[in-house]
Amino acid sequence: MLSKEAAKLKEMIDRAIEDHELTTIEYEKILMLANADMKIDAQERQLLAQLHELLNSGAVKRVPG
């Protein structure tokens, strides 16, 4: 089961995956949420790694905004 913070993070990442785009603002919000408690746990680290993998592969594109 995901922690409350990891669940929110997953929701935000899932939205980016759905529309295949991640705005700069969305990316910053994701990072702020992950760092909100000053600790990135294993679940959050895994979700962030998944996001970066999708960005690196081009499956999700960074766009202005």
Protein backbone atom coordinates (compact mmCIF):
# COMPACT_ATOMS: atom_id res chain seq x y z
CA MET A 1 0.00 0.00 0.00
CA LEU A 2 1.26 3.45 -0.91
CA SER A 3 1.77 6.15 1.66
CA LYS A 4 -0.49 9.19 1.40
CA GLU A 5 2.29 11.25 -0.17
CA ALA A 6 3.26 8.48 -2.59
CA ALA A 7 -0.38 8.06 -3.63
CA LYS A 8 -0.62 11.79 -4.47
CA LEU A 9 2.67 11.57 -6.33
CA LYS A 10 1.43 8.55 -8.31
CA GLU A 11 -1.75 10.41 -9.22
CA MET A 12 0.22 13.36 -10.60
CA ILE A 13 2.59 11.09 -12.54
CA ASP A 14 -0.32 9.05 -13.91
CA ARG A 15 -1.87 12.26 -15.29
CA ALA A 16 1.38 13.07 -17.09
CA ILE A 17 1.48 9.56 -18.52
CA GLU A 18 -2.12 9.78 -19.72
CA ASP A 19 -1.58 12.94 -21.75
CA HIS A 20 2.06 12.10 -22.64
CA GLU A 21 3.13 15.58 -21.51
CA LEU A 22 4.64 17.06 -18.38
CA THR A 23 4.71 20.81 -17.98
CA THR A 24 7.46 22.54 -16.07
CA ILE A 25 4.91 23.53 -13.42
CA GLU A 26 3.67 19.92 -13.07
CA TYR A 27 7.26 18.69 -12.79
CA GLU A 28 8.05 21.26 -10.10
CA LYS A 29 4.88 20.28 -8.20
CA ILE A 30 5.89 16.62 -8.36
CA LEU A 31 9.32 17.41 -6.95
CA MET A 32 7.86 19.66 -4.24
CA LEU A 33 5.40 16.94 -3.23
CA ALA A 34 8.15 14.31 -3.11
CA ASN A 35 10.29 16.60 -0.93
CA ALA A 36 7.44 17.99 1.21
CA ASP A 37 8.31 15.89 4.24
CA MET A 38 12.05 16.39 3.66
CA LYS A 39 12.40 12.67 2.97
CA ILE A 40 11.95 10.68 -0.23
CA ASP A 41 10.89 7.18 0.75
CA ALA A 42 11.36 4.04 -1.35
CA GLN A 43 7.88 4.32 -2.93
CA GLU A 44 8.42 7.93 -3.92
CA ARG A 45 11.89 7.12 -5.24
CA GLN A 46 10.45 4.33 -7.40
CA LEU A 47 7.72 6.62 -8.79
CA LEU A 48 10.24 9.36 -9.60
CA ALA A 49 12.50 6.81 -11.31
CA GLN A 50 9.55 5.63 -13.41
CA LEU A 51 8.80 9.22 -14.41
CA HIS A 52 12.41 9.91 -15.38
CA GLU A 53 12.52 6.69 -17.39
CA LEU A 54 9.41 7.78 -19.31
CA LEU A 55 10.91 11.23 -19.90
CA ASN A 56 14.22 9.76 -21.09
CA SER A 57 12.49 7.34 -23.47
CA GLY A 58 10.30 10.08 -24.93
CA ALA A 59 7.07 8.38 -23.84
CA VAL A 60 6.34 11.54 -21.82
CA LYS A 61 7.57 14.88 -23.13
CA ARG A 62 8.50 17.96 -21.09
CA VAL A 63 6.64 20.98 -22.37
CA PRO A 64 6.63 24.63 -21.31
CA GLY A 65 3.96 25.76 -18.94
